[in-house]
Structure formats: structure tokens, C-alpha cells
PDB file of all heavy atoms in Angstrom:
ATOM      1  N   LEU A   1    -176.335 143.346-131.469  1.00  0.00           N
ATOM      2  CA  LEU A   1    -175.151 143.604-132.278  1.00  0.00           C
ATOM      3  C   LEU A   1    -173.917 143.970-131.358  1.00  0.00           C
ATOM      4  O   LEU A   1    -172.895 143.600-131.469  1.00  0.00           O
ATOM      5  CB  LEU A   1    -175.320 144.533-133.348  1.00  0.00           C
ATOM      6  CG  LEU A   1    -176.213 143.974-134.537  1.00  0.00           C
ATOM      7  CD1 LEU A   1    -176.360 145.112-135.610  1.00  0.00           C
ATOM      8  CD2 LEU A   1    -175.465 142.757-135.254  1.00  0.00           C
ATOM      9  N   ALA A   2    -174.238 144.856-130.315  1.00  0.00           N
ATOM     10  CA  ALA A   2    -173.295 145.284-129.358  1.00  0.00           C
ATOM     11  C   ALA A   2    -172.821 144.097-128.520  1.00  0.00           C
ATOM     12  O   ALA A   2    -171.721 144.055-128.253  1.00  0.00           O
ATOM     13  CB  ALA A   2    -173.916 146.412-128.597  1.00  0.00           C
ATOM     14  N   ALA A   3    -173.728 143.326-128.182  1.00  0.00           N
ATOM     15  CA  ALA A   3    -173.373 142.181-127.356  1.00  0.00           C
ATOM     16  C   ALA A   3    -172.528 141.106-128.129  1.00  0.00           C
ATOM     17  O   ALA A   3    -171.524 140.731-127.675  1.00  0.00           O
ATOM     18  CB  ALA A   3    -174.641 141.385-126.786  1.00  0.00           C
ATOM     19  N   GLU A   4    -172.833 140.903-129.357  1.00  0.00           N
ATOM     20  CA  GLU A   4    -171.968 140.092-130.285  1.00  0.00           C
ATOM     21  C   GLU A   4    -170.719 140.749-130.482  1.00  0.00           C
ATOM     22  O   GLU A   4    -169.636 139.936-130.424  1.00  0.00           O
ATOM     23  CB  GLU A   4    -172.752 139.865-131.506  1.00  0.00           C
ATOM     24  CG  GLU A   4    -172.056 138.880-132.464  1.00  0.00           C
ATOM     25  CD  GLU A   4    -172.875 138.526-133.759  1.00  0.00           C
ATOM     26  OE1 GLU A   4    -173.955 138.846-133.777  1.00  0.00           O
ATOM     27  OE2 GLU A   4    -172.247 137.895-134.639  1.00  0.00           O
ATOM     28  N   ALA A   5    -170.550 141.964-130.665  1.00  0.00           N
ATOM     29  CA  ALA A   5    -169.250 142.749-130.853  1.00  0.00           C
ATOM     30  C   ALA A   5    -168.511 142.490-129.569  1.00  0.00           C
ATOM     31  O   ALA A   5    -167.228 142.476-129.742  1.00  0.00           O
ATOM     32  CB  ALA A   5    -169.567 144.191-131.227  1.00  0.00           C
ATOM     33  N   ALA A   6    -169.019 142.620-128.538  1.00  0.00           N
ATOM     34  CA  ALA A   6    -168.347 142.522-127.171  1.00  0.00           C
ATOM     35  C   ALA A   6    -167.752 141.100-126.987  1.00  0.00           C
ATOM     36  O   ALA A   6    -166.682 140.893-126.702  1.00  0.00           O
ATOM     37  CB  ALA A   6    -169.156 142.828-126.042  1.00  0.00           C
ATOM     38  N   VAL A   7    -168.562 140.053-127.389  1.00  0.00           N
ATOM     39  CA  VAL A   7    -167.975 138.713-127.340  1.00  0.00           C
ATOM     40  C   VAL A   7    -166.920 138.457-128.399  1.00  0.00           C
ATOM     41  O   VAL A   7    -165.897 137.899-128.031  1.00  0.00           O
ATOM     42  CB  VAL A   7    -169.215 137.722-127.658  1.00  0.00           C
ATOM     43  CG1 VAL A   7    -168.613 136.356-127.954  1.00  0.00           C
ATOM     44  CG2 VAL A   7    -170.292 137.683-126.563  1.00  0.00           C
ATOM     45  N   LEU A   8    -167.024 139.052-129.476  1.00  0.00           N
ATOM     46  CA  LEU A   8    -165.986 138.876-130.511  1.00  0.00           C
ATOM     47  C   LEU A   8    -164.824 139.659-130.142  1.00  0.00           C
ATOM     48  O   LEU A   8    -163.662 139.170-130.339  1.00  0.00           O
ATOM     49  CB  LEU A   8    -166.475 139.360-131.879  1.00  0.00           C
ATOM     50  CG  LEU A   8    -167.534 138.551-132.560  1.00  0.00           C
ATOM     51  CD1 LEU A   8    -167.971 139.093-133.743  1.00  0.00           C
ATOM     52  CD2 LEU A   8    -167.106 137.081-132.834  1.00  0.00           C
ATOM     53  N   THR A   9    -164.850 140.819-129.500  1.00  0.00           N
ATOM     54  CA  THR A   9    -163.745 141.522-129.028  1.00  0.00           C
ATOM     55  C   THR A   9    -162.980 140.729-127.976  1.00  0.00           C
ATOM     56  O   THR A   9    -161.805 140.697-127.979  1.00  0.00           O
ATOM     57  CB  THR A   9    -164.194 142.952-128.489  1.00  0.00           C
ATOM     58  OG1 THR A   9    -164.848 143.624-129.559  1.00  0.00           O
ATOM     59  CG2 THR A   9    -163.005 143.685-127.973  1.00  0.00           C
ATOM     60  N   ASP A  10    -163.717 140.166-127.064  1.00  0.00           N
ATOM     61  CA  ASP A  10    -163.004 139.348-126.078  1.00  0.00           C
ATOM     62  C   ASP A  10    -162.344 138.126-126.708  1.00  0.00           C
ATOM     63  O   ASP A  10    -161.222 137.777-126.159  1.00  0.00           O
ATOM     64  CB  ASP A  10    -164.101 138.836-124.960  1.00  0.00           C
ATOM     65  CG  ASP A  10    -164.520 139.905-124.053  1.00  0.00           C
ATOM     66  OD1 ASP A  10    -163.871 140.920-123.947  1.00  0.00           O
ATOM     67  OD2 ASP A  10    -165.629 139.765-123.457  1.00  0.00           O
ATOM     68  N   ARG A  11    -162.987 137.497-127.688  1.00  0.00           N
ATOM     69  CA  ARG A  11    -162.359 136.333-128.257  1.00  0.00           C
ATOM     70  C   ARG A  11    -161.055 136.772-129.058  1.00  0.00           C
ATOM     71  O   ARG A  11    -160.041 136.127-128.961  1.00  0.00           O
ATOM     72  CB  ARG A  11    -163.331 135.668-129.323  1.00  0.00           C
ATOM     73  CG  ARG A  11    -164.408 134.960-128.579  1.00  0.00           C
ATOM     74  CD  ARG A  11    -165.506 134.411-129.524  1.00  0.00           C
ATOM     75  NE  ARG A  11    -165.043 133.118-130.087  1.00  0.00           N
ATOM     76  CZ  ARG A  11    -165.644 132.399-130.913  1.00  0.00           C
ATOM     77  NH1 ARG A  11    -166.800 132.951-131.352  1.00  0.00           N
ATOM     78  NH2 ARG A  11    -165.146 131.351-131.460  1.00  0.00           N
ATOM     79  N   VAL A  12    -161.071 137.887-129.677  1.00  0.00           N
ATOM     80  CA  VAL A  12    -159.957 138.418-130.381  1.00  0.00           C
ATOM     81  C   VAL A  12    -158.828 138.749-129.252  1.00  0.00           C
ATOM     82  O   VAL A  12    -157.650 138.409-129.533  1.00  0.00           O
ATOM     83  CB  VAL A  12    -160.231 139.718-131.297  1.00  0.00           C
ATOM     84  CG1 VAL A  12    -158.951 140.349-131.579  1.00  0.00           C
ATOM     85  CG2 VAL A  12    -161.089 139.312-132.362  1.00  0.00           C
ATOM     86  N   ARG A  13    -159.194 139.344-128.147  1.00  0.00           N
ATOM     87  CA  ARG A  13    -158.278 139.695-127.122  1.00  0.00           C
ATOM     88  C   ARG A  13    -157.625 138.342-126.602  1.00  0.00           C
ATOM     89  O   ARG A  13    -156.328 138.219-126.479  1.00  0.00           O
ATOM     90  CB  ARG A  13    -158.940 140.324-126.078  1.00  0.00           C
ATOM     91  CG  ARG A  13    -158.030 140.893-124.910  1.00  0.00           C
ATOM     92  CD  ARG A  13    -158.592 141.688-123.872  1.00  0.00           C
ATOM     93  NE  ARG A  13    -159.308 142.897-124.483  1.00  0.00           N
ATOM     94  CZ  ARG A  13    -160.692 143.121-124.449  1.00  0.00           C
ATOM     95  NH1 ARG A  13    -161.515 142.266-123.861  1.00  0.00           N
ATOM     96  NH2 ARG A  13    -161.156 144.166-125.002  1.00  0.00           N
ATOM     97  N   LEU A  14    -158.528 137.301-126.445  1.00  0.00           N
ATOM     98  CA  LEU A  14    -157.952 136.034-125.996  1.00  0.00           C
ATOM     99  C   LEU A  14    -156.963 135.443-127.063  1.00  0.00           C
ATOM    100  O   LEU A  14    -155.848 134.923-126.717  1.00  0.00           O
ATOM    101  CB  LEU A  14    -159.067 134.972-125.729  1.00  0.00           C
ATOM    102  CG  LEU A  14    -158.684 133.640-125.379  1.00  0.00           C
ATOM    103  CD1 LEU A  14    -157.954 133.562-123.958  1.00  0.00           C
ATOM    104  CD2 LEU A  14    -159.930 132.769-125.344  1.00  0.00           C
ATOM    105  N   LEU A  15    -157.290 135.436-128.288  1.00  0.00           N
ATOM    106  CA  LEU A  15    -156.433 134.849-129.254  1.00  0.00           C
ATOM    107  C   LEU A  15    -155.294 135.632-129.462  1.00  0.00           C
ATOM    108  O   LEU A  15    -154.161 135.080-129.696  1.00  0.00           O
ATOM    109  CB  LEU A  15    -157.236 134.894-130.680  1.00  0.00           C
ATOM    110  CG  LEU A  15    -158.495 133.817-130.769  1.00  0.00           C
ATOM    111  CD1 LEU A  15    -159.230 134.114-132.003  1.00  0.00           C
ATOM    112  CD2 LEU A  15    -157.911 132.369-130.666  1.00  0.00           C
ATOM    113  N   ARG A  16    -155.306 136.944-129.370  1.00  0.00           N
ATOM    114  CA  ARG A  16    -154.045 137.696-129.431  1.00  0.00           C
ATOM    115  C   ARG A  16    -153.084 137.411-128.219  1.00  0.00           C
ATOM    116  O   ARG A  16    -151.822 137.210-128.411  1.00  0.00           O
ATOM    117  CB  ARG A  16    -154.295 139.224-129.187  1.00  0.00           C
ATOM    118  CG  ARG A  16    -154.841 139.775-130.583  1.00  0.00           C
ATOM    119  CD  ARG A  16    -155.030 141.319-130.536  1.00  0.00           C
ATOM    120  NE  ARG A  16    -155.374 141.801-131.691  1.00  0.00           N
ATOM    121  CZ  ARG A  16    -156.058 142.991-131.937  1.00  0.00           C
ATOM    122  NH1 ARG A  16    -156.149 143.832-130.858  1.00  0.00           N
ATOM    123  NH2 ARG A  16    -156.353 143.372-133.085  1.00  0.00           N
ATOM    124  N   GLY A  17    -153.635 137.113-127.021  1.00  0.00           N
ATOM    125  CA  GLY A  17    -152.831 136.670-125.912  1.00  0.00           C
ATOM    126  C   GLY A  17    -152.172 135.243-126.156  1.00  0.00           C
ATOM    127  O   GLY A  17    -150.972 135.068-125.876  1.00  0.00           O
ATOM    128  N   GLN A  18    -152.955 134.385-126.772  1.00  0.00           N
ATOM    129  CA  GLN A  18    -152.471 133.102-126.982  1.00  0.00           C
ATOM    130  C   GLN A  18    -151.426 133.149-128.098  1.00  0.00           C
ATOM    131  O   GLN A  18    -150.337 132.439-128.040  1.00  0.00           O
ATOM    132  CB  GLN A  18    -153.579 132.147-127.446  1.00  0.00           C
ATOM    133  CG  GLN A  18    -154.613 131.852-126.403  1.00  0.00           C
ATOM    134  CD  GLN A  18    -155.795 130.938-126.887  1.00  0.00           C
ATOM    135  OE1 GLN A  18    -156.106 131.058-127.994  1.00  0.00           O
ATOM    136  NE2 GLN A  18    -156.424 130.315-125.900  1.00  0.00           N
ATOM    137  N   LEU A  19    -151.589 133.987-129.069  1.00  0.00           N
ATOM    138  CA  LEU A  19    -150.588 134.199-130.115  1.00  0.00           C
ATOM    139  C   LEU A  19    -149.310 134.731-129.516  1.00  0.00           C
ATOM    140  O   LEU A  19    -148.274 134.240-129.898  1.00  0.00           O
ATOM    141  CB  LEU A  19    -151.147 135.056-131.264  1.00  0.00           C
ATOM    142  CG  LEU A  19    -150.230 135.321-132.423  1.00  0.00           C
ATOM    143  CD1 LEU A  19    -149.834 134.162-133.077  1.00  0.00           C
ATOM    144  CD2 LEU A  19    -150.935 136.318-133.392  1.00  0.00           C
ATOM    145  N   ALA A  20    -149.357 135.674-128.610  1.00  0.00           N
ATOM    146  CA  ALA A  20    -148.167 136.210-128.024  1.00  0.00           C
ATOM    147  C   ALA A  20    -147.499 135.191-127.291  1.00  0.00           C
ATOM    148  O   ALA A  20    -146.259 135.138-127.278  1.00  0.00           O
ATOM    149  CB  ALA A  20    -148.520 137.338-127.044  1.00  0.00           C
ATOM    150  N   GLU A  21    -148.159 134.255-126.486  1.00  0.00           N
ATOM    151  CA  GLU A  21    -147.656 133.145-125.760  1.00  0.00           C
ATOM    152  C   GLU A  21    -146.906 132.274-126.768  1.00  0.00           C
ATOM    153  O   GLU A  21    -145.762 131.655-126.434  1.00  0.00           O
ATOM    154  CB  GLU A  21    -148.607 132.469-124.940  1.00  0.00           C
ATOM    155  CG  GLU A  21    -149.187 133.285-123.732  1.00  0.00           C
ATOM    156  CD  GLU A  21    -150.303 132.497-123.063  1.00  0.00           C
ATOM    157  OE1 GLU A  21    -150.523 131.245-123.369  1.00  0.00           O
ATOM    158  OE2 GLU A  21    -150.983 133.170-122.243  1.00  0.00           O
ATOM    159  N   VAL A  22    -147.494 131.854-127.780  1.00  0.00           N
ATOM    160  CA  VAL A  22    -146.975 131.013-128.842  1.00  0.00           C
ATOM    161  C   VAL A  22    -145.665 131.562-129.453  1.00  0.00           C
ATOM    162  O   VAL A  22    -144.632 130.932-129.580  1.00  0.00           O
ATOM    163  CB  VAL A  22    -147.885 130.563-129.889  1.00  0.00           C
ATOM    164  CG1 VAL A  22    -147.292 129.881-131.098  1.00  0.00           C
ATOM    165  CG2 VAL A  22    -148.982 129.638-129.315  1.00  0.00           C
ATOM    166  N   SER A  23    -145.800 132.836-129.672  1.00  0.00           N
ATOM    167  CA  SER A  23    -144.662 133.506-130.307  1.00  0.00           C
ATOM    168  C   SER A  23    -143.425 133.409-129.437  1.00  0.00           C
ATOM    169  O   SER A  23    -142.237 133.304-129.774  1.00  0.00           O
ATOM    170  CB  SER A  23    -145.003 135.016-130.585  1.00  0.00           C
ATOM    171  OG  SER A  23    -143.860 135.729-131.104  1.00  0.00           O
ATOM    172  N   VAL A  24    -143.637 133.748-128.062  1.00  0.00           N
ATOM    173  CA  VAL A  24    -142.604 133.653-127.060  1.00  0.00           C
ATOM    174  C   VAL A  24    -142.116 132.216-127.012  1.00  0.00           C
ATOM    175  O   VAL A  24    -140.781 132.145-126.922  1.00  0.00           O
ATOM    176  CB  VAL A  24    -143.097 134.135-125.648  1.00  0.00           C
ATOM    177  CG1 VAL A  24    -142.102 133.790-124.570  1.00  0.00           C
ATOM    178  CG2 VAL A  24    -143.423 135.576-125.644  1.00  0.00           C
ATOM    179  N   ARG A  25    -142.894 131.395-127.074  1.00  0.00           N
ATOM    180  CA  ARG A  25    -142.331 129.971-126.913  1.00  0.00           C
ATOM    181  C   ARG A  25    -141.570 129.586-128.242  1.00  0.00           C
ATOM    182  O   ARG A  25    -140.549 128.901-128.173  1.00  0.00           O
ATOM    183  CB  ARG A  25    -143.520 128.918-126.786  1.00  0.00           C
ATOM    184  CG  ARG A  25    -144.182 128.993-125.382  1.00  0.00           C
ATOM    185  CD  ARG A  25    -145.470 128.169-125.313  1.00  0.00           C
ATOM    186  NE  ARG A  25    -145.078 126.761-125.457  1.00  0.00           N
ATOM    187  CZ  ARG A  25    -145.986 125.840-125.562  1.00  0.00           C
ATOM    188  NH1 ARG A  25    -147.277 126.166-125.562  1.00  0.00           N
ATOM    189  NH2 ARG A  25    -145.691 124.525-125.675  1.00  0.00           N
ATOM    190  N   ILE A  26    -141.981 130.048-129.360  1.00  0.00           N
ATOM    191  CA  ILE A  26    -141.255 129.805-130.601  1.00  0.00           C
ATOM    192  C   ILE A  26    -139.787 130.386-130.568  1.00  0.00           C
ATOM    193  O   ILE A  26    -138.815 129.781-130.863  1.00  0.00           O
ATOM    194  CB  ILE A  26    -142.087 130.341-131.815  1.00  0.00           C
ATOM    195  CG1 ILE A  26    -143.197 129.468-132.073  1.00  0.00           C
ATOM    196  CG2 ILE A  26    -141.150 130.460-133.060  1.00  0.00           C
ATOM    197  CD1 ILE A  26    -144.243 129.981-133.102  1.00  0.00           C
ATOM    198  N   GLU A  27    -139.815 131.632-130.049  1.00  0.00           N
ATOM    199  CA  GLU A  27    -138.551 132.338-129.971  1.00  0.00           C
ATOM    200  C   GLU A  27    -137.559 131.655-128.987  1.00  0.00           C
ATOM    201  O   GLU A  27    -136.429 131.630-129.122  1.00  0.00           O
ATOM    202  CB  GLU A  27    -138.801 133.815-129.584  1.00  0.00           C
ATOM    203  CG  GLU A  27    -139.412 134.636-130.563  1.00  0.00           C
ATOM    204  CD  GLU A  27    -139.677 136.121-130.002  1.00  0.00           C
ATOM    205  OE1 GLU A  27    -139.323 136.427-129.030  1.00  0.00           O
ATOM    206  OE2 GLU A  27    -140.402 136.806-130.848  1.00  0.00           O
ATOM    207  N   GLU A  28    -138.160 131.263-127.866  1.00  0.00           N
ATOM    208  CA  GLU A  28    -137.407 130.519-126.832  1.00  0.00           C
ATOM    209  C   GLU A  28    -136.838 129.169-127.369  1.00  0.00           C
ATOM    210  O   GLU A  28    -135.670 128.851-127.187  1.00  0.00           O
ATOM    211  CB  GLU A  28    -138.270 130.233-125.596  1.00  0.00           C
ATOM    212  CG  GLU A  28    -137.524 129.454-124.525  1.00  0.00           C
ATOM    213  CD  GLU A  28    -136.395 130.183-123.818  1.00  0.00           C
ATOM    214  OE1 GLU A  28    -136.248 131.381-123.978  1.00  0.00           O
ATOM    215  OE2 GLU A  28    -135.576 129.478-123.162  1.00  0.00           O
ATOM    216  N   THR A  29    -137.655 128.477-128.138  1.00  0.00           N
ATOM    217  CA  THR A  29    -137.297 127.228-128.741  1.00  0.00           C
ATOM    218  C   THR A  29    -136.180 127.484-129.837  1.00  0.00           C
ATOM    219  O   THR A  29    -135.131 126.730-129.872  1.00  0.00           O
ATOM    220  CB  THR A  29    -138.459 126.515-129.414  1.00  0.00           C
ATOM    221  OG1 THR A  29    -139.477 126.270-128.382  1.00  0.00           O
ATOM    222  CG2 THR A  29    -138.094 125.185-130.069  1.00  0.00           C
ATOM    223  N   ALA A  30    -136.332 128.476-130.573  1.00  0.00           N
ATOM    224  CA  ALA A  30    -135.307 128.868-131.563  1.00  0.00           C
ATOM    225  C   ALA A  30    -133.912 129.173-130.914  1.00  0.00           C
ATOM    226  O   ALA A  30    -132.926 128.800-131.375  1.00  0.00           O
ATOM    227  CB  ALA A  30    -135.817 130.043-132.410  1.00  0.00           C
ATOM    228  N   ARG A  31    -134.053 129.931-129.851  1.00  0.00           N
ATOM    229  CA  ARG A  31    -132.844 130.169-129.106  1.00  0.00           C
ATOM    230  C   ARG A  31    -132.181 129.075-128.563  1.00  0.00           C
ATOM    231  O   ARG A  31    -130.899 128.875-128.688  1.00  0.00           O
ATOM    232  CB  ARG A  31    -133.159 131.247-127.942  1.00  0.00           C
ATOM    233  CG  ARG A  31    -131.907 131.717-127.186  1.00  0.00           C
ATOM    234  CD  ARG A  31    -132.372 132.544-125.894  1.00  0.00           C
ATOM    235  NE  ARG A  31    -133.048 131.678-124.950  1.00  0.00           N
ATOM    236  CZ  ARG A  31    -132.461 130.747-124.205  1.00  0.00           C
ATOM    237  NH1 ARG A  31    -131.194 130.513-124.169  1.00  0.00           N
ATOM    238  NH2 ARG A  31    -133.231 130.121-123.319  1.00  0.00           N
ATOM    239  N   ARG A  32    -132.945 128.165-127.954  1.00  0.00           N
ATOM    240  CA  ARG A  32    -132.365 126.880-127.432  1.00  0.00           C
ATOM    241  C   ARG A  32    -131.785 126.115-128.633  1.00  0.00           C
ATOM    242  O   ARG A  32    -130.745 125.403-128.359  1.00  0.00           O
ATOM    243  CB  ARG A  32    -133.390 126.153-126.625  1.00  0.00           C
ATOM    244  CG  ARG A  32    -133.814 126.837-125.427  1.00  0.00           C
ATOM    245  CD  ARG A  32    -135.103 126.376-124.876  1.00  0.00           C
ATOM    246  NE  ARG A  32    -134.953 125.423-123.733  1.00  0.00           N
ATOM    247  CZ  ARG A  32    -135.999 124.784-123.277  1.00  0.00           C
ATOM    248  NH1 ARG A  32    -137.167 125.005-123.733  1.00  0.00           N
ATOM    249  NH2 ARG A  32    -135.757 123.889-122.392  1.00  0.00           N
ATOM    250  N   LEU A  33    -132.413 126.061-129.657  1.00  0.00           N
ATOM    251  CA  LEU A  33    -131.930 125.288-130.739  1.00  0.00           C
ATOM    252  C   LEU A  33    -130.603 125.726-131.245  1.00  0.00           C
ATOM    253  O   LEU A  33    -129.734 124.961-131.629  1.00  0.00           O
ATOM    254  CB  LEU A  33    -132.936 125.190-131.959  1.00  0.00           C
ATOM    255  CG  LEU A  33    -134.164 124.162-131.717  1.00  0.00           C
ATOM    256  CD1 LEU A  33    -135.179 124.371-132.890  1.00  0.00           C
ATOM    257  CD2 LEU A  33    -133.772 122.787-131.627  1.00  0.00           C
ATOM    258  N   ASN A  34    -130.467 127.100-131.387  1.00  0.00           N
ATOM    259  CA  ASN A  34    -129.215 127.714-131.795  1.00  0.00           C
ATOM    260  C   ASN A  34    -128.155 127.392-130.759  1.00  0.00           C
ATOM    261  O   ASN A  34    -126.928 127.569-131.101  1.00  0.00           O
ATOM    262  CB  ASN A  34    -129.438 129.246-131.868  1.00  0.00           C
ATOM    263  CG  ASN A  34    -130.109 129.626-133.109  1.00  0.00           C
ATOM    264  OD1 ASN A  34    -130.151 128.793-134.150  1.00  0.00           O
ATOM    265  ND2 ASN A  34    -130.990 130.762-133.107  1.00  0.00           N
TER     266      ASN A  34
END
């Protein structure tokens, strides 16, 4: 269970990083569209 929790924690960390990157890209695109 601890190993599975570690894997899931890493996946969540990765997804949060990807979400942050997408958010920055969306904000940049919105700025450029404006």
C-alpha cells in the first residue's frame, strides 16, 4: 500500500505540473488574443 501510495503521489505531482503548464499556456493565449 505504501508503494502504491508513492506511485499515486508521483502521478498526482506530475499531473499538477502538467496542469500548471496548461494553465500558463491558456493565460498566454488569452493575453495574445486580447
